[in-house]
């Protein structure tokens, strides 16, 4: 039975390619993480009243939170 041998440079290239693919797969390259710091809140207090504004820093939408406290951002009606 004859054995087939590959040139060393082909073997090293294949090993390097497999290592690079393993590195990309294990580090999770290409995926997006959660949007940290996407929403910011500003409180303004004046003569006994407190106004709450929530800002979406990705889209630039600013909403006033009145009776909508505790709701997700997309369900806040605002003013």
PDB file of N, CA and C in Angstrom:
ATOM      1  N   UNK A   1       0.826  -1.162   0.000  1.00  0.00           N
ATOM      2  CA  UNK A   1       0.000   0.000   0.000  1.00  0.00           C
ATOM      3  C   UNK A   1       0.884   1.243   0.000  1.00  0.00           C
ATOM      4  N   UNK A   2       0.566   2.198  -0.870  1.00  0.00           N
ATOM      5  CA  UNK A   2       1.346   3.428  -0.956  1.00  0.00           C
ATOM      6  C   UNK A   2       0.753   4.491  -0.039  1.00  0.00           C
ATOM      7  N   UNK A   3       1.613   5.246   0.582  1.00  0.00           N
ATOM      8  CA  UNK A   3       1.141   6.364   1.395  1.00  0.00           C
ATOM      9  C   UNK A   3       1.360   7.659   0.610  1.00  0.00           C
ATOM     10  N   UNK A   4       0.404   8.557   0.750  1.00  0.00           N
ATOM     11  CA  UNK A   4       0.478   9.835   0.049  1.00  0.00           C
ATOM     12  C   UNK A   4       0.983  10.880   1.038  1.00  0.00           C
ATOM     13  N   UNK A   5       1.992  11.609   0.670  1.00  0.00           N
ATOM     14  CA  UNK A   5       2.503  12.657   1.545  1.00  0.00           C
ATOM     15  C   UNK A   5       2.296  14.015   0.878  1.00  0.00           C
ATOM     16  N   UNK A   6       1.921  14.965   1.681  1.00  0.00           N
ATOM     17  CA  UNK A   6       1.703  16.331   1.196  1.00  0.00           C
ATOM     18  C   UNK A   6       2.937  17.166   1.474  1.00  0.00           C
ATOM     19  N   UNK A   7       3.172  18.182   0.675  1.00  0.00           N
ATOM     20  CA  UNK A   7       4.289  19.082   0.960  1.00  0.00           C
ATOM     21  C   UNK A   7       4.079  19.784   2.311  1.00  0.00           C
ATOM     22  N   UNK A   8       5.187  20.101   2.991  1.00  0.00           N
ATOM     23  CA  UNK A   8       5.101  20.701   4.322  1.00  0.00           C
ATOM     24  C   UNK A   8       4.380  22.041   4.312  1.00  0.00           C
ATOM     25  N   UNK A   9       4.572  22.827   3.265  1.00  0.00           N
ATOM     26  CA  UNK A   9       3.930  24.138   3.243  1.00  0.00           C
ATOM     27  C   UNK A   9       2.394  24.018   3.166  1.00  0.00           C
ATOM     28  N   UNK A  10       1.877  22.974   2.544  1.00  0.00           N
ATOM     29  CA  UNK A  10       0.426  22.770   2.470  1.00  0.00           C
ATOM     30  C   UNK A  10      -0.098  22.377   3.848  1.00  0.00           C
ATOM     31  N   UNK A  11       0.634  21.547   4.545  1.00  0.00           N
ATOM     32  CA  UNK A  11       0.227  21.115   5.879  1.00  0.00           C
ATOM     33  C   UNK A  11       0.225  22.305   6.844  1.00  0.00           C
ATOM     34  N   UNK A  12       1.285  23.129   6.811  1.00  0.00           N
ATOM     35  CA  UNK A  12       1.350  24.298   7.684  1.00  0.00           C
ATOM     36  C   UNK A  12       0.255  25.306   7.340  1.00  0.00           C
ATOM     37  N   UNK A  13      -0.046  25.487   6.065  1.00  0.00           N
ATOM     38  CA  UNK A  13      -1.116  26.400   5.651  1.00  0.00           C
ATOM     39  C   UNK A  13      -2.464  25.919   6.172  1.00  0.00           C
ATOM     40  N   UNK A  14      -2.741  24.618   6.045  1.00  0.00           N
ATOM     41  CA  UNK A  14      -4.007  24.061   6.517  1.00  0.00           C
ATOM     42  C   UNK A  14      -4.119  24.177   8.037  1.00  0.00           C
ATOM     43  N   UNK A  15      -3.021  23.935   8.751  1.00  0.00           N
ATOM     44  CA  UNK A  15      -3.033  24.054  10.207  1.00  0.00           C
ATOM     45  C   UNK A  15      -3.283  25.499  10.633  1.00  0.00           C
ATOM     46  N   UNK A  16      -2.655  26.443   9.967  1.00  0.00           N
ATOM     47  CA  UNK A  16      -2.868  27.861  10.267  1.00  0.00           C
ATOM     48  C   UNK A  16      -4.286  28.302   9.975  1.00  0.00           C
ATOM     49  N   UNK A  17      -4.837  27.811   8.878  1.00  0.00           N
ATOM     50  CA  UNK A  17      -6.208  28.145   8.522  1.00  0.00           C
ATOM     51  C   UNK A  17      -7.187  27.608   9.567  1.00  0.00           C
ATOM     52  N   UNK A  18      -6.980  26.376  10.002  1.00  0.00           N
ATOM     53  CA  UNK A  18      -7.847  25.795  11.028  1.00  0.00           C
ATOM     54  C   UNK A  18      -7.726  26.547  12.358  1.00  0.00           C
ATOM     55  N   UNK A  19      -6.528  26.951  12.719  1.00  0.00           N
ATOM     56  CA  UNK A  19      -6.353  27.726  13.949  1.00  0.00           C
ATOM     57  C   UNK A  19      -7.038  29.089  13.865  1.00  0.00           C
ATOM     58  N   UNK A  20      -6.942  29.740  12.717  1.00  0.00           N
ATOM     59  CA  UNK A  20      -7.593  31.039  12.541  1.00  0.00           C
ATOM     60  C   UNK A  20      -9.117  30.904  12.612  1.00  0.00           C
ATOM     61  N   UNK A  21      -9.661  29.877  11.981  1.00  0.00           N
ATOM     62  CA  UNK A  21     -11.109  29.653  12.040  1.00  0.00           C
ATOM     63  C   UNK A  21     -11.562  29.325  13.456  1.00  0.00           C
ATOM     64  N   UNK A  22     -10.758  28.542  14.181  1.00  0.00           N
ATOM     65  CA  UNK A  22     -11.097  28.222  15.569  1.00  0.00           C
ATOM     66  C   UNK A  22     -11.078  29.475  16.432  1.00  0.00           C
ATOM     67  N   UNK A  23     -10.119  30.353  16.210  1.00  0.00           N
ATOM     68  CA  UNK A  23     -10.033  31.595  16.963  1.00  0.00           C
ATOM     69  C   UNK A  23     -11.256  32.466  16.719  1.00  0.00           C
ATOM     70  N   UNK A  24     -11.663  32.594  15.470  1.00  0.00           N
ATOM     71  CA  UNK A  24     -12.836  33.406  15.135  1.00  0.00           C
ATOM     72  C   UNK A  24     -14.094  32.797  15.747  1.00  0.00           C
ATOM     73  N   UNK A  25     -14.226  31.485  15.680  1.00  0.00           N
ATOM     74  CA  UNK A  25     -15.415  30.819  16.211  1.00  0.00           C
ATOM     75  C   UNK A  25     -15.480  30.921  17.736  1.00  0.00           C
ATOM     76  N   UNK A  26     -14.348  30.789  18.397  1.00  0.00           N
ATOM     77  CA  UNK A  26     -14.346  30.796  19.852  1.00  0.00           C
ATOM     78  C   UNK A  26     -14.469  32.188  20.452  1.00  0.00           C
ATOM     79  N   UNK A  27     -14.033  33.209  19.759  1.00  0.00           N
ATOM     80  CA  UNK A  27     -14.144  34.569  20.289  1.00  0.00           C
ATOM     81  C   UNK A  27     -15.466  35.209  19.947  1.00  0.00           C
ATOM     82  N   UNK A  28     -16.264  34.603  19.100  1.00  0.00           N
ATOM     83  CA  UNK A  28     -17.566  35.157  18.771  1.00  0.00           C
ATOM     84  C   UNK A  28     -17.476  36.380  17.878  1.00  0.00           C
ATOM     85  N   UNK A  29     -16.507  36.439  17.021  1.00  0.00           N
ATOM     86  CA  UNK A  29     -16.336  37.592  16.144  1.00  0.00           C
ATOM     87  C   UNK A  29     -17.548  37.751  15.246  1.00  0.00           C
ATOM     88  N   UNK A  30     -17.957  38.979  15.027  1.00  0.00           N
ATOM     89  CA  UNK A  30     -19.066  39.267  14.129  1.00  0.00           C
ATOM     90  C   UNK A  30     -20.386  39.451  14.844  1.00  0.00           C
ATOM     91  N   UNK A  31     -20.490  39.053  16.098  1.00  0.00           N
ATOM     92  CA  UNK A  31     -21.744  39.207  16.824  1.00  0.00           C
ATOM     93  C   UNK A  31     -21.796  40.540  17.543  1.00  0.00           C
ATOM     94  N   UNK A  32     -23.006  41.038  17.764  1.00  0.00           N
ATOM     95  CA  UNK A  32     -23.170  42.288  18.489  1.00  0.00           C
ATOM     96  C   UNK A  32     -23.615  41.987  19.903  1.00  0.00           C
ATOM     97  N   UNK A  33     -23.039  42.676  20.848  1.00  0.00           N
ATOM     98  CA  UNK A  33     -23.426  42.519  22.231  1.00  0.00           C
ATOM     99  C   UNK A  33     -24.622  43.397  22.551  1.00  0.00           C
ATOM    100  N   UNK A  34     -25.058  43.372  23.775  1.00  0.00           N
ATOM    101  CA  UNK A  34     -26.186  44.220  24.162  1.00  0.00           C
ATOM    102  C   UNK A  34     -25.804  45.686  24.102  1.00  0.00           C
ATOM    103  N   UNK A  35     -26.779  46.508  23.859  1.00  0.00           N
ATOM    104  CA  UNK A  35     -26.547  47.946  23.749  1.00  0.00           C
ATOM    105  C   UNK A  35     -26.422  48.538  25.147  1.00  0.00           C
ATOM    106  N   UNK A  36     -25.212  48.635  25.660  1.00  0.00           N
ATOM    107  CA  UNK A  36     -24.978  49.171  26.991  1.00  0.00           C
ATOM    108  C   UNK A  36     -24.986  50.691  26.908  1.00  0.00           C
ATOM    109  N   UNK A  37     -25.730  51.323  27.766  1.00  0.00           N
ATOM    110  CA  UNK A  37     -25.798  52.783  27.782  1.00  0.00           C
ATOM    111  C   UNK A  37     -26.676  53.360  26.700  1.00  0.00           C
ATOM    112  N   UNK A  38     -27.588  52.576  26.159  1.00  0.00           N
ATOM    113  CA  UNK A  38     -28.430  53.072  25.076  1.00  0.00           C
ATOM    114  C   UNK A  38     -29.435  54.100  25.580  1.00  0.00           C
ATOM    115  N   UNK A  39     -29.995  53.885  26.742  1.00  0.00           N
ATOM    116  CA  UNK A  39     -31.011  54.799  27.276  1.00  0.00           C
ATOM    117  C   UNK A  39     -30.418  55.638  28.396  1.00  0.00           C
ATOM    118  N   UNK A  40     -30.783  56.922  28.406  1.00  0.00           N
ATOM    119  CA  UNK A  40     -30.362  57.816  29.474  1.00  0.00           C
ATOM    120  C   UNK A  40     -31.595  58.510  30.019  1.00  0.00           C
ATOM    121  N   UNK A  41     -31.557  58.803  31.314  1.00  0.00           N
ATOM    122  CA  UNK A  41     -32.696  59.422  31.959  1.00  0.00           C
ATOM    123  C   UNK A  41     -32.274  60.758  32.557  1.00  0.00           C
ATOM    124  N   UNK A  42     -33.150  61.736  32.432  1.00  0.00           N
ATOM    125  CA  UNK A  42     -32.895  63.059  32.980  1.00  0.00           C
ATOM    126  C   UNK A  42     -34.084  63.436  33.854  1.00  0.00           C
ATOM    127  N   UNK A  43     -33.807  63.877  35.084  1.00  0.00           N
ATOM    128  CA  UNK A  43     -34.847  64.317  36.007  1.00  0.00           C
ATOM    129  C   UNK A  43     -34.732  65.809  36.200  1.00  0.00           C
ATOM    130  N   UNK A  44     -35.866  66.501  36.103  1.00  0.00           N
ATOM    131  CA  UNK A  44     -35.899  67.944  36.317  1.00  0.00           C
ATOM    132  C   UNK A  44     -36.940  68.210  37.391  1.00  0.00           C
ATOM    133  N   UNK A  45     -36.517  68.821  38.484  1.00  0.00           N
ATOM    134  CA  UNK A  45     -37.417  69.108  39.600  1.00  0.00           C
ATOM    135  C   UNK A  45     -37.637  70.609  39.675  1.00  0.00           C
ATOM    136  N   UNK A  46     -38.919  70.987  39.727  1.00  0.00           N
ATOM    137  CA  UNK A  46     -39.235  72.415  39.829  1.00  0.00           C
ATOM    138  C   UNK A  46     -40.516  72.585  40.639  1.00  0.00           C
ATOM    139  N   UNK A  47     -40.458  73.362  41.633  1.00  0.00           N
ATOM    140  CA  UNK A  47     -41.568  73.705  42.532  1.00  0.00           C
ATOM    141  C   UNK A  47     -42.468  72.517  42.866  1.00  0.00           C
ATOM    142  N   UNK A  48     -41.851  71.443  43.324  1.00  0.00           N
ATOM    143  CA  UNK A  48     -42.626  70.295  43.779  1.00  0.00           C
ATOM    144  C   UNK A  48     -43.005  69.297  42.697  1.00  0.00           C
ATOM    145  N   UNK A  49     -42.720  69.591  41.464  1.00  0.00           N
ATOM    146  CA  UNK A  49     -43.021  68.663  40.371  1.00  0.00           C
ATOM    147  C   UNK A  49     -41.713  68.106  39.814  1.00  0.00           C
ATOM    148  N   UNK A  50     -41.739  66.860  39.472  1.00  0.00           N
ATOM    149  CA  UNK A  50     -40.561  66.236  38.886  1.00  0.00           C
ATOM    150  C   UNK A  50     -40.908  65.745  37.487  1.00  0.00           C
ATOM    151  N   UNK A  51     -40.154  66.195  36.519  1.00  0.00           N
ATOM    152  CA  UNK A  51     -40.320  65.735  35.148  1.00  0.00           C
ATOM    153  C   UNK A  51     -39.232  64.714  34.847  1.00  0.00           C
ATOM    154  N   UNK A  52     -39.630  63.618  34.218  1.00  0.00           N
ATOM    155  CA  UNK A  52     -38.689  62.553  33.870  1.00  0.00           C
ATOM    156  C   UNK A  52     -38.660  62.421  32.357  1.00  0.00           C
ATOM    157  N   UNK A  53     -37.473  62.525  31.781  1.00  0.00           N
ATOM    158  CA  UNK A  53     -37.295  62.362  30.352  1.00  0.00           C
ATOM    159  C   UNK A  53     -36.369  61.171  30.110  1.00  0.00           C
ATOM    160  N   UNK A  54     -36.745  60.310  29.167  1.00  0.00           N
ATOM    161  CA  UNK A  54     -35.912  59.173  28.799  1.00  0.00           C
ATOM    162  C   UNK A  54     -35.469  59.375  27.358  1.00  0.00           C
ATOM    163  N   UNK A  55     -34.150  59.251  27.127  1.00  0.00           N
ATOM    164  CA  UNK A  55     -33.595  59.475  25.796  1.00  0.00           C
ATOM    165  C   UNK A  55     -33.019  58.178  25.250  1.00  0.00           C
ATOM    166  N   UNK A  56     -33.351  57.866  24.011  1.00  0.00           N
ATOM    167  CA  UNK A  56     -32.742  56.737  23.304  1.00  0.00           C
ATOM    168  C   UNK A  56     -31.563  57.308  22.533  1.00  0.00           C
ATOM    169  N   UNK A  57     -30.343  57.011  22.981  1.00  0.00           N
ATOM    170  CA  UNK A  57     -29.164  57.625  22.377  1.00  0.00           C
ATOM    171  C   UNK A  57     -28.834  57.055  21.004  1.00  0.00           C
ATOM    172  N   UNK A  58     -29.445  55.939  20.628  1.00  0.00           N
ATOM    173  CA  UNK A  58     -29.202  55.370  19.307  1.00  0.00           C
ATOM    174  C   UNK A  58     -30.044  56.063  18.244  1.00  0.00           C
ATOM    175  N   UNK A  59     -31.328  56.289  18.547  1.00  0.00           N
ATOM    176  CA  UNK A  59     -32.229  56.892  17.559  1.00  0.00           C
ATOM    177  C   UNK A  59     -32.457  58.375  17.789  1.00  0.00           C
ATOM    178  N   UNK A  60     -32.159  58.867  19.000  1.00  0.00           N
ATOM    179  CA  UNK A  60     -32.356  60.278  19.297  1.00  0.00           C
ATOM    180  C   UNK A  60     -33.755  60.609  19.784  1.00  0.00           C
ATOM    181  N   UNK A  61     -34.587  59.627  20.028  1.00  0.00           N
ATOM    182  CA  UNK A  61     -35.955  59.860  20.482  1.00  0.00           C
ATOM    183  C   UNK A  61     -35.938  60.208  21.965  1.00  0.00           C
ATOM    184  N   UNK A  62     -36.655  61.284  22.320  1.00  0.00           N
ATOM    185  CA  UNK A  62     -36.790  61.706  23.710  1.00  0.00           C
ATOM    186  C   UNK A  62     -38.259  61.598  24.082  1.00  0.00           C
ATOM    187  N   UNK A  63     -38.549  60.946  25.217  1.00  0.00           N
ATOM    188  CA  UNK A  63     -39.936  60.782  25.653  1.00  0.00           C
ATOM    189  C   UNK A  63     -40.080  61.270  27.082  1.00  0.00           C
ATOM    190  N   UNK A  64     -41.227  61.908  27.347  1.00  0.00           N
ATOM    191  CA  UNK A  64     -41.569  62.361  28.687  1.00  0.00           C
ATOM    192  C   UNK A  64     -42.295  61.231  29.386  1.00  0.00           C
ATOM    193  N   UNK A  65     -41.859  60.890  30.592  1.00  0.00           N
ATOM    194  CA  UNK A  65     -42.493  59.819  31.356  1.00  0.00           C
ATOM    195  C   UNK A  65     -43.401  60.463  32.392  1.00  0.00           C
ATOM    196  N   UNK A  66     -44.678  60.303  32.215  1.00  0.00           N
ATOM    197  CA  UNK A  66     -45.654  60.833  33.177  1.00  0.00           C
ATOM    198  C   UNK A  66     -46.314  59.677  33.889  1.00  0.00           C
ATOM    199  N   UNK A  67     -47.440  59.256  33.353  1.00  0.00           N
ATOM    200  CA  UNK A  67     -48.178  58.134  33.939  1.00  0.00           C
ATOM    201  C   UNK A  67     -47.676  56.795  33.407  1.00  0.00           C
ATOM    202  N   UNK A  68     -46.647  56.823  32.590  1.00  0.00           N
ATOM    203  CA  UNK A  68     -46.137  55.608  31.958  1.00  0.00           C
ATOM    204  C   UNK A  68     -44.951  54.999  32.703  1.00  0.00           C
ATOM    205  N   UNK A  69     -44.800  55.304  33.982  1.00  0.00           N
ATOM    206  CA  UNK A  69     -43.651  54.780  34.733  1.00  0.00           C
ATOM    207  C   UNK A  69     -43.695  53.261  34.794  1.00  0.00           C
ATOM    208  N   UNK A  70     -42.547  52.638  34.626  1.00  0.00           N
ATOM    209  CA  UNK A  70     -42.443  51.192  34.709  1.00  0.00           C
ATOM    210  C   UNK A  70     -42.710  50.471  33.410  1.00  0.00           C
ATOM    211  N   UNK A  71     -43.031  51.206  32.346  1.00  0.00           N
ATOM    212  CA  UNK A  71     -43.283  50.576  31.048  1.00  0.00           C
ATOM    213  C   UNK A  71     -42.007  50.550  30.212  1.00  0.00           C
ATOM    214  N   UNK A  72     -41.894  49.613  29.272  1.00  0.00           N
ATOM    215  CA  UNK A  72     -40.751  49.637  28.361  1.00  0.00           C
ATOM    216  C   UNK A  72     -40.762  50.904  27.504  1.00  0.00           C
ATOM    217  N   UNK A  73     -39.598  51.279  26.990  1.00  0.00           N
ATOM    218  CA  UNK A  73     -39.458  52.530  26.240  1.00  0.00           C
ATOM    219  C   UNK A  73     -40.398  52.625  25.053  1.00  0.00           C
ATOM    220  N   UNK A  74     -40.571  51.524  24.312  1.00  0.00           N
ATOM    221  CA  UNK A  74     -41.417  51.591  23.111  1.00  0.00           C
ATOM    222  C   UNK A  74     -42.901  51.684  23.458  1.00  0.00           C
ATOM    223  N   UNK A  75     -43.302  51.458  24.703  1.00  0.00           N
ATOM    224  CA  UNK A  75     -44.709  51.576  25.093  1.00  0.00           C
ATOM    225  C   UNK A  75     -45.032  52.907  25.765  1.00  0.00           C
ATOM    226  N   UNK A  76     -44.025  53.743  26.004  1.00  0.00           N
ATOM    227  CA  UNK A  76     -44.265  55.046  26.630  1.00  0.00           C
ATOM    228  C   UNK A  76     -44.909  55.959  25.594  1.00  0.00           C
ATOM    229  N   UNK A  77     -46.050  56.531  25.966  1.00  0.00           N
ATOM    230  CA  UNK A  77     -46.764  57.416  25.045  1.00  0.00           C
ATOM    231  C   UNK A  77     -46.113  58.801  24.975  1.00  0.00           C
ATOM    232  N   UNK A  78     -45.620  59.276  26.084  1.00  0.00           N
ATOM    233  CA  UNK A  78     -44.995  60.587  26.098  1.00  0.00           C
ATOM    234  C   UNK A  78     -46.031  61.692  26.066  1.00  0.00           C
ATOM    235  N   UNK A  79     -45.575  62.895  25.801  1.00  0.00           N
ATOM    236  CA  UNK A  79     -46.471  64.054  25.719  1.00  0.00           C
ATOM    237  C   UNK A  79     -46.624  64.504  24.309  1.00  0.00           C
TER     238      UNK A  79
END
